[in-house]
Amino acid sequence: MATQGRRPQRRPQKTTKPPQQKRRPGQPKHATKPPQAKKVVFDAAVAQNDEPRTFRLGVVPGATPGKWIDAWKLRMPHVALEVVPVAVSDQDAAIDDLDAALVRLPLGADTLDALHVISLYDEVPVVVASIESHLLAADDLHLADLAGEVLIALTDDTLPALDAPGALAPRFAPLSTPDAIATAATGAGAVVVPMSLARLHHRKDADYRPLVDGPTSTVALAWARERTTPDVETFVGIVRGRTAHSSR
């Protein structure tokens, strides 16, 4: 029979087993695998004390810590956060009884030596006046626009000294910010405050315009140097935008 066209059958190849390693004297017949090293996690969250406690945060009028408080509640559910209202005039002394405080700069020179202070943001100053005032005809104002206007003085002023050439002093005593805005609404004068305070004490019969070249108010976080606790460090991290897994 013709075998032309058929492929020759291949002979199966012999397989060779890998040489077995000789056991060393005293080595067990079935050697165990060496233990695996634990996985290293970089920037792992720092362990926190789970003991229930309260973090007391002072807040001056106009400061808005809402987003930081929300982040605290998520990260530190076992630590209650108490918001303590603080008047600007009392902020230096109030810090002694608080874990930390949102304050307005400047602080007293004597107080600064005992504090850590982190500047957070600057607030735009605005001119608050009656809705009938011609000042509101412009989208923004300059100090020169206040010439001839009565500028109401404040007992709780939160801005550096205002130099408005030609502005008139009122014939009445300085007022608190809420009372000054209410007085400005009557047309008896205008008052310059940080924008957040104008919004806080908003009235239908008054409005405000940005004062482009006016002094700004700086909001800062302050706490006692000798009381830099892990809770304080956590809040500082939240304010600075660090996540729970960020390295310090």
C-alpha atoms as a PDB file:
ATOM      1  CA  MET A   1       0.000   0.000   0.000  1.00  0.00           C
ATOM      2  CA  ALA A   2       1.300   3.372  -0.904  1.00  0.00           C
ATOM      3  CA  THR A   3       2.303   5.566   1.997  1.00  0.00           C
ATOM      4  CA  GLN A   4       2.973   8.588  -0.109  1.00  0.00           C
ATOM      5  CA  GLY A   5       1.339  11.756   1.249  1.00  0.00           C
ATOM      6  CA  ARG A   6       1.134  10.536   4.848  1.00  0.00           C
ATOM      7  CA  ARG A   7       2.965  12.252   7.630  1.00  0.00           C
ATOM      8  CA  PRO A   8       5.369  10.066   9.571  1.00  0.00           C
ATOM      9  CA  GLN A   9       4.259   9.484  13.114  1.00  0.00           C
ATOM     10  CA  ARG A  10       6.309  11.243  15.756  1.00  0.00           C
ATOM     11  CA  ARG A  11       7.628   9.234  18.579  1.00  0.00           C
ATOM     12  CA  PRO A  12       6.561  10.585  21.992  1.00  0.00           C
ATOM     13  CA  GLN A  13       9.335  12.566  23.644  1.00  0.00           C
ATOM     14  CA  LYS A  14      10.576  11.477  26.972  1.00  0.00           C
ATOM     15  CA  THR A  15       9.922  13.936  29.777  1.00  0.00           C
ATOM     16  CA  THR A  16      12.461  14.346  32.466  1.00  0.00           C
ATOM     17  CA  LYS A  17      11.550  15.330  36.011  1.00  0.00           C
ATOM     18  CA  PRO A  18      13.440  18.214  37.542  1.00  0.00           C
ATOM     19  CA  PRO A  19      16.126  17.006  39.873  1.00  0.00           C
ATOM     20  CA  GLN A  20      14.992  16.856  43.458  1.00  0.00           C
ATOM     21  CA  GLN A  21      16.887  18.963  45.886  1.00  0.00           C
ATOM     22  CA  LYS A  22      18.536  17.068  48.642  1.00  0.00           C
ATOM     23  CA  ARG A  23      17.334  17.744  52.139  1.00  0.00           C
ATOM     24  CA  ARG A  24      19.826  19.195  54.518  1.00  0.00           C
ATOM     25  CA  PRO A  25      20.396  17.257  57.727  1.00  0.00           C
ATOM     26  CA  GLY A  26      17.667  18.145  60.231  1.00  0.00           C
ATOM     27  CA  GLN A  27      15.392  19.656  57.580  1.00  0.00           C
ATOM     28  CA  PRO A  28      11.752  18.364  57.801  1.00  0.00           C
ATOM     29  CA  LYS A  29      10.452  16.293  54.922  1.00  0.00           C
ATOM     30  CA  HIS A  30       7.713  18.816  54.098  1.00  0.00           C
ATOM     31  CA  ALA A  31       9.194  22.256  54.595  1.00  0.00           C
ATOM     32  CA  THR A  32       6.717  25.027  55.510  1.00  0.00           C
ATOM     33  CA  LYS A  33       6.528  28.280  53.542  1.00  0.00           C
ATOM     34  CA  PRO A  34       8.089  31.310  55.183  1.00  0.00           C
ATOM     35  CA  PRO A  35       5.493  33.711  56.713  1.00  0.00           C
ATOM     36  CA  GLN A  36       4.462  36.581  54.427  1.00  0.00           C
ATOM     37  CA  ALA A  37       5.283  40.108  55.514  1.00  0.00           C
ATOM     38  CA  LYS A  38       2.352  42.366  56.364  1.00  0.00           C
ATOM     39  CA  LYS A  39       1.350  44.802  53.647  1.00  0.00           C
ATOM     40  CA  VAL A  40       2.521  48.342  54.332  1.00  0.00           C
ATOM     41  CA  VAL A  41      -0.147  51.033  53.852  1.00  0.00           C
ATOM     42  CA  PHE A  42       1.287  54.467  53.306  1.00  0.00           C
ATOM     43  CA  ASP A  43      -0.559  57.522  54.697  1.00  0.00           C
ATOM     44  CA  ALA A  44      -2.800  55.296  56.796  1.00  0.00           C
ATOM     45  CA  ALA A  45      -5.177  57.125  59.124  1.00  0.00           C
ATOM     46  CA  VAL A  46      -3.758  57.913  62.521  1.00  0.00           C
ATOM     47  CA  ALA A  47      -5.474  55.952  65.263  1.00  0.00           C
ATOM     48  CA  GLN A  48      -7.774  58.196  67.300  1.00  0.00           C
ATOM     49  CA  ASN A  49      -8.890  57.958  70.881  1.00  0.00           C
ATOM     50  CA  ASP A  50     -12.513  56.780  70.749  1.00  0.00           C
ATOM     51  CA  GLU A  51     -13.390  58.124  74.191  1.00  0.00           C
ATOM     52  CA  PRO A  52     -16.523  60.355  73.915  1.00  0.00           C
ATOM     53  CA  ARG A  53     -15.638  64.031  74.379  1.00  0.00           C
ATOM     54  CA  THR A  54     -16.448  67.502  73.056  1.00  0.00           C
ATOM     55  CA  PHE A  55     -14.403  69.794  70.812  1.00  0.00           C
ATOM     56  CA  ARG A  56     -15.267  73.447  71.573  1.00  0.00           C
ATOM     57  CA  LEU A  57     -14.841  75.761  68.577  1.00  0.00           C
ATOM     58  CA  GLY A  58     -15.204  79.509  69.028  1.00  0.00           C
ATOM     59  CA  VAL A  59     -16.649  81.423  66.057  1.00  0.00           C
ATOM     60  CA  VAL A  60     -16.755  85.200  65.602  1.00  0.00           C
ATOM     61  CA  PRO A  61     -19.756  86.742  63.791  1.00  0.00           C
ATOM     62  CA  GLY A  62     -19.615  86.323  60.022  1.00  0.00           C
ATOM     63  CA  ALA A  63     -17.214  83.363  60.016  1.00  0.00           C
ATOM     64  CA  THR A  64     -18.663  80.361  58.166  1.00  0.00           C
ATOM     65  CA  PRO A  65     -17.249  77.025  59.394  1.00  0.00           C
ATOM     66  CA  GLY A  66     -20.125  74.924  58.019  1.00  0.00           C
ATOM     67  CA  LYS A  67     -18.126  72.777  55.585  1.00  0.00           C
ATOM     68  CA  TRP A  68     -15.434  72.110  58.194  1.00  0.00           C
ATOM     69  CA  ILE A  69     -18.034  71.099  60.781  1.00  0.00           C
ATOM     70  CA  ASP A  70     -19.603  68.689  58.274  1.00  0.00           C
ATOM     71  CA  ALA A  71     -16.194  67.154  57.577  1.00  0.00           C
ATOM     72  CA  TRP A  72     -15.558  66.834  61.313  1.00  0.00           C
ATOM     73  CA  LYS A  73     -18.820  64.954  61.866  1.00  0.00           C
ATOM     74  CA  LEU A  74     -17.851  62.428  59.193  1.00  0.00           C
ATOM     75  CA  ARG A  75     -14.280  61.965  60.389  1.00  0.00           C
ATOM     76  CA  MET A  76     -14.809  62.239  64.144  1.00  0.00           C
ATOM     77  CA  PRO A  77     -18.334  60.932  64.861  1.00  0.00           C
ATOM     78  CA  HIS A  78     -17.387  60.028  68.433  1.00  0.00           C
ATOM     79  CA  VAL A  79     -16.328  63.610  69.261  1.00  0.00           C
ATOM     80  CA  ALA A  80     -19.121  66.173  69.497  1.00  0.00           C
ATOM     81  CA  LEU A  81     -18.307  69.632  68.121  1.00  0.00           C
ATOM     82  CA  GLU A  82     -19.763  72.553  70.064  1.00  0.00           C
ATOM     83  CA  VAL A  83     -19.882  75.953  68.324  1.00  0.00           C
ATOM     84  CA  VAL A  84     -19.341  78.781  70.807  1.00  0.00           C
ATOM     85  CA  PRO A  85     -20.257  82.308  69.589  1.00  0.00           C
ATOM     86  CA  VAL A  86     -17.429  84.764  70.352  1.00  0.00           C
ATOM     87  CA  ALA A  87     -17.553  88.551  70.126  1.00  0.00           C
ATOM     88  CA  VAL A  88     -14.588  90.129  68.358  1.00  0.00           C
ATOM     89  CA  SER A  89     -13.979  92.356  71.359  1.00  0.00           C
ATOM     90  CA  ASP A  90     -13.652  89.253  73.592  1.00  0.00           C
ATOM     91  CA  GLN A  91     -11.856  86.875  71.239  1.00  0.00           C
ATOM     92  CA  ASP A  92      -8.410  87.163  72.859  1.00  0.00           C
ATOM     93  CA  ALA A  93      -9.673  86.144  76.291  1.00  0.00           C
ATOM     94  CA  ALA A  94     -12.183  83.586  74.940  1.00  0.00           C
ATOM     95  CA  ILE A  95      -9.501  81.380  73.378  1.00  0.00           C
ATOM     96  CA  ASP A  96      -8.363  80.309  76.849  1.00  0.00           C
ATOM     97  CA  ASP A  97     -11.603  78.380  77.345  1.00  0.00           C
ATOM     98  CA  LEU A  98     -11.778  76.861  73.849  1.00  0.00           C
ATOM     99  CA  ASP A  99     -10.020  74.103  71.932  1.00  0.00           C
ATOM    100  CA  ALA A 100      -9.699  76.437  68.934  1.00  0.00           C
ATOM    101  CA  ALA A 101     -11.401  79.542  67.542  1.00  0.00           C
ATOM    102  CA  LEU A 102     -12.129  81.268  64.258  1.00  0.00           C
ATOM    103  CA  VAL A 103     -11.093  84.850  64.960  1.00  0.00           C
ATOM    104  CA  ARG A 104     -10.528  88.128  63.134  1.00  0.00           C
ATOM    105  CA  LEU A 105      -7.029  89.534  62.949  1.00  0.00           C
ATOM    106  CA  PRO A 106      -5.305  91.334  64.450  1.00  0.00           C
ATOM    107  CA  LEU A 107      -5.086  89.712  67.863  1.00  0.00           C
ATOM    108  CA  GLY A 108      -3.458  91.392  70.832  1.00  0.00           C
ATOM    109  CA  ALA A 109       0.339  91.332  70.862  1.00  0.00           C
ATOM    110  CA  ASP A 110       0.390  89.725  74.314  1.00  0.00           C
ATOM    111  CA  THR A 111      -2.015  87.013  73.173  1.00  0.00           C
ATOM    112  CA  LEU A 112      -0.067  86.114  70.040  1.00  0.00           C
ATOM    113  CA  ASP A 113       2.939  84.831  71.967  1.00  0.00           C
ATOM    114  CA  ALA A 114       0.834  82.034  73.476  1.00  0.00           C
ATOM    115  CA  LEU A 115      -1.047  81.070  70.306  1.00  0.00           C
ATOM    116  CA  HIS A 116      -0.712  79.232  67.040  1.00  0.00           C
ATOM    117  CA  VAL A 117      -2.446  81.255  64.309  1.00  0.00           C
ATOM    118  CA  ILE A 118      -3.270  80.202  60.745  1.00  0.00           C
ATOM    119  CA  SER A 119      -4.676  82.868  58.398  1.00  0.00           C
ATOM    120  CA  LEU A 120      -7.540  81.380  56.382  1.00  0.00           C
ATOM    121  CA  TYR A 121      -9.045  84.029  54.097  1.00  0.00           C
ATOM    122  CA  ASP A 122      -9.586  87.779  53.623  1.00  0.00           C
ATOM    123  CA  GLU A 123     -13.060  89.280  53.498  1.00  0.00           C
ATOM    124  CA  VAL A 124     -14.017  92.047  51.079  1.00  0.00           C
ATOM    125  CA  PRO A 125     -15.253  95.224  52.809  1.00  0.00           C
ATOM    126  CA  VAL A 126     -18.611  96.632  51.719  1.00  0.00           C
ATOM    127  CA  VAL A 127     -20.526  99.877  52.218  1.00  0.00           C
ATOM    128  CA  VAL A 128     -24.004  99.357  53.669  1.00  0.00           C
ATOM    129  CA  ALA A 129     -26.534 102.130  52.979  1.00  0.00           C
ATOM    130  CA  SER A 130     -30.249 102.742  52.645  1.00  0.00           C
ATOM    131  CA  ILE A 131     -31.840 101.432  49.454  1.00  0.00           C
ATOM    132  CA  GLU A 132     -32.662 105.100  48.745  1.00  0.00           C
ATOM    133  CA  SER A 133     -28.976 106.105  48.837  1.00  0.00           C
ATOM    134  CA  HIS A 134     -27.270 107.273  45.655  1.00  0.00           C
ATOM    135  CA  LEU A 135     -24.265 105.138  46.681  1.00  0.00           C
ATOM    136  CA  LEU A 136     -26.101 102.024  45.528  1.00  0.00           C
ATOM    137  CA  ALA A 137     -26.322 103.312  41.953  1.00  0.00           C
ATOM    138  CA  ALA A 138     -22.779 102.011  41.337  1.00  0.00           C
ATOM    139  CA  ASP A 139     -21.730  98.356  41.138  1.00  0.00           C
ATOM    140  CA  ASP A 140     -18.779  99.026  43.456  1.00  0.00           C
ATOM    141  CA  LEU A 141     -17.354 101.955  45.379  1.00  0.00           C
ATOM    142  CA  HIS A 142     -14.018 103.554  46.209  1.00  0.00           C
ATOM    143  CA  LEU A 143     -12.960 105.489  49.303  1.00  0.00           C
ATOM    144  CA  ALA A 144     -13.205 108.721  47.307  1.00  0.00           C
ATOM    145  CA  ASP A 145     -16.929 108.033  46.763  1.00  0.00           C
ATOM    146  CA  LEU A 146     -17.513 108.383  50.504  1.00  0.00           C
ATOM    147  CA  ALA A 147     -16.575 112.073  50.589  1.00  0.00           C
ATOM    148  CA  GLY A 148     -19.450 114.020  52.133  1.00  0.00           C
ATOM    149  CA  GLU A 149     -21.064 110.849  53.524  1.00  0.00           C
ATOM    150  CA  VAL A 150     -21.651 110.241  57.230  1.00  0.00           C
ATOM    151  CA  LEU A 151     -19.700 107.111  58.194  1.00  0.00           C
ATOM    152  CA  ILE A 152     -21.141 105.397  61.252  1.00  0.00           C
ATOM    153  CA  ALA A 153     -18.523 104.326  63.817  1.00  0.00           C
ATOM    154  CA  LEU A 154     -18.689 100.848  65.347  1.00  0.00           C
ATOM    155  CA  THR A 155     -18.176  99.560  68.882  1.00  0.00           C
ATOM    156  CA  ASP A 156     -17.248  96.146  67.463  1.00  0.00           C
ATOM    157  CA  ASP A 157     -15.267  97.265  64.437  1.00  0.00           C
ATOM    158  CA  THR A 158     -13.682  94.333  62.607  1.00  0.00           C
ATOM    159  CA  LEU A 159     -11.704  96.320  60.034  1.00  0.00           C
ATOM    160  CA  PRO A 160      -8.425  98.216  60.241  1.00  0.00           C
ATOM    161  CA  ALA A 161      -8.652 102.002  60.458  1.00  0.00           C
ATOM    162  CA  LEU A 162     -10.607 103.400  57.527  1.00  0.00           C
ATOM    163  CA  ASP A 163      -9.098 106.441  55.814  1.00  0.00           C
ATOM    164  CA  ALA A 164     -11.837 108.023  53.701  1.00  0.00           C
ATOM    165  CA  PRO A 165     -10.908 111.625  52.857  1.00  0.00           C
ATOM    166  CA  GLY A 166     -13.887 113.975  53.097  1.00  0.00           C
ATOM    167  CA  ALA A 167     -16.122 111.511  54.993  1.00  0.00           C
ATOM    168  CA  LEU A 168     -18.116 113.000  57.883  1.00  0.00           C
ATOM    169  CA  ALA A 169     -18.209 111.821  61.495  1.00  0.00           C
ATOM    170  CA  PRO A 170     -21.677 111.086  62.910  1.00  0.00           C
ATOM    171  CA  ARG A 171     -23.180 113.203  65.714  1.00  0.00           C
ATOM    172  CA  PHE A 172     -24.090 110.088  67.686  1.00  0.00           C
ATOM    173  CA  ALA A 173     -21.992 107.540  69.600  1.00  0.00           C
ATOM    174  CA  PRO A 174     -20.547 104.418  67.969  1.00  0.00           C
ATOM    175  CA  LEU A 175     -23.018 101.568  67.494  1.00  0.00           C
ATOM    176  CA  SER A 176     -22.830  97.790  67.340  1.00  0.00           C
ATOM    177  CA  THR A 177     -22.801  96.317  63.835  1.00  0.00           C
ATOM    178  CA  PRO A 178     -26.506  95.268  63.866  1.00  0.00           C
ATOM    179  CA  ASP A 179     -27.568  98.706  65.172  1.00  0.00           C
ATOM    180  CA  ALA A 180     -25.276 100.517  62.729  1.00  0.00           C
ATOM    181  CA  ILE A 181     -26.787  98.654  59.756  1.00  0.00           C
ATOM    182  CA  ALA A 182     -30.295  99.401  61.040  1.00  0.00           C
ATOM    183  CA  THR A 183     -29.344 103.085  61.349  1.00  0.00           C
ATOM    184  CA  ALA A 184     -27.817 103.123  57.869  1.00  0.00           C
ATOM    185  CA  ALA A 185     -31.106 101.747  56.545  1.00  0.00           C
ATOM    186  CA  THR A 186     -32.854 104.930  57.755  1.00  0.00           C
ATOM    187  CA  GLY A 187     -30.552 107.093  55.614  1.00  0.00           C
ATOM    188  CA  ALA A 188     -28.704 108.607  58.587  1.00  0.00           C
ATOM    189  CA  GLY A 189     -25.349 107.489  57.217  1.00  0.00           C
ATOM    190  CA  ALA A 190     -23.409 104.554  55.814  1.00  0.00           C
ATOM    191  CA  VAL A 191     -21.289 101.891  57.489  1.00  0.00           C
ATOM    192  CA  VAL A 192     -18.345  99.827  56.227  1.00  0.00           C
ATOM    193  CA  VAL A 193     -18.211  96.177  57.342  1.00  0.00           C
ATOM    194  CA  PRO A 194     -16.933  92.838  56.018  1.00  0.00           C
ATOM    195  CA  MET A 195     -19.310  91.358  53.448  1.00  0.00           C
ATOM    196  CA  SER A 196     -20.236  88.409  55.665  1.00  0.00           C
ATOM    197  CA  LEU A 197     -21.581  90.760  58.342  1.00  0.00           C
ATOM    198  CA  ALA A 198     -23.635  92.676  55.781  1.00  0.00           C
ATOM    199  CA  ARG A 199     -25.165  89.362  54.742  1.00  0.00           C
ATOM    200  CA  LEU A 200     -25.627  88.220  58.338  1.00  0.00           C
ATOM    201  CA  HIS A 201     -27.596  91.382  59.222  1.00  0.00           C
ATOM    202  CA  HIS A 202     -29.339  91.747  55.871  1.00  0.00           C
ATOM    203  CA  ARG A 203     -32.381  94.013  55.770  1.00  0.00           C
ATOM    204  CA  LYS A 204     -34.945  94.720  53.044  1.00  0.00           C
ATOM    205  CA  ASP A 205     -34.484  98.479  53.458  1.00  0.00           C
ATOM    206  CA  ALA A 206     -30.678  98.391  53.048  1.00  0.00           C
ATOM    207  CA  ASP A 207     -28.150  97.018  50.614  1.00  0.00           C
ATOM    208  CA  TYR A 208     -24.391  97.040  50.133  1.00  0.00           C
ATOM    209  CA  ARG A 209     -21.689  97.562  47.528  1.00  0.00           C
ATOM    210  CA  PRO A 210     -18.054  96.327  47.570  1.00  0.00           C
ATOM    211  CA  LEU A 211     -15.485  98.911  48.656  1.00  0.00           C
ATOM    212  CA  VAL A 212     -12.714  98.173  46.172  1.00  0.00           C
ATOM    213  CA  ASP A 213      -9.834  99.963  47.909  1.00  0.00           C
ATOM    214  CA  GLY A 214     -11.014  99.470  51.484  1.00  0.00           C
ATOM    215  CA  PRO A 215      -9.182  97.457  54.171  1.00  0.00           C
ATOM    216  CA  THR A 216      -9.884  93.733  54.320  1.00  0.00           C
ATOM    217  CA  SER A 217     -10.706  91.631  57.381  1.00  0.00           C
ATOM    218  CA  THR A 218      -8.666  88.460  57.819  1.00  0.00           C
ATOM    219  CA  VAL A 219     -10.311  85.400  59.381  1.00  0.00           C
ATOM    220  CA  ALA A 220      -7.887  83.029  61.090  1.00  0.00           C
ATOM    221  CA  LEU A 221      -7.816  79.844  63.154  1.00  0.00           C
ATOM    222  CA  ALA A 222      -6.149  80.225  66.546  1.00  0.00           C
ATOM    223  CA  TRP A 223      -5.480  77.926  69.485  1.00  0.00           C
ATOM    224  CA  ALA A 224      -3.247  77.836  72.562  1.00  0.00           C
ATOM    225  CA  ARG A 225       0.254  76.508  71.870  1.00  0.00           C
ATOM    226  CA  GLU A 226       0.268  74.468  75.081  1.00  0.00           C
ATOM    227  CA  ARG A 227      -2.977  72.718  74.104  1.00  0.00           C
ATOM    228  CA  THR A 228      -2.118  71.323  70.669  1.00  0.00           C
ATOM    229  CA  THR A 229      -4.039  68.080  71.138  1.00  0.00           C
ATOM    230  CA  PRO A 230      -4.690  65.344  68.531  1.00  0.00           C
ATOM    231  CA  ASP A 231      -8.231  66.739  68.164  1.00  0.00           C
ATOM    232  CA  VAL A 232      -6.843  70.185  67.391  1.00  0.00           C
ATOM    233  CA  GLU A 233      -4.449  68.684  64.848  1.00  0.00           C
ATOM    234  CA  THR A 234      -7.374  66.880  63.218  1.00  0.00           C
ATOM    235  CA  PHE A 235      -9.374  70.098  62.915  1.00  0.00           C
ATOM    236  CA  VAL A 236      -6.349  71.943  61.525  1.00  0.00           C
ATOM    237  CA  GLY A 237      -6.007  69.188  58.918  1.00  0.00           C
ATOM    238  CA  ILE A 238      -9.666  69.549  57.959  1.00  0.00           C
ATOM    239  CA  VAL A 239      -9.324  73.319  57.590  1.00  0.00           C
ATOM    240  CA  ARG A 240      -6.224  72.868  55.432  1.00  0.00           C
ATOM    241  CA  GLY A 241      -8.020  70.364  53.220  1.00  0.00           C
ATOM    242  CA  ARG A 242      -6.194  67.223  54.282  1.00  0.00           C
ATOM    243  CA  THR A 243      -8.117  63.966  54.008  1.00  0.00           C
ATOM    244  CA  ALA A 244      -8.224  61.274  56.657  1.00  0.00           C
ATOM    245  CA  HIS A 245      -5.423  59.408  54.808  1.00  0.00           C
ATOM    246  CA  SER A 246      -3.182  62.389  54.089  1.00  0.00           C
ATOM    247  CA  SER A 247       0.302  62.353  55.519  1.00  0.00           C
ATOM    248  CA  ARG A 248       1.034  64.991  58.116  1.00  0.00           C
END
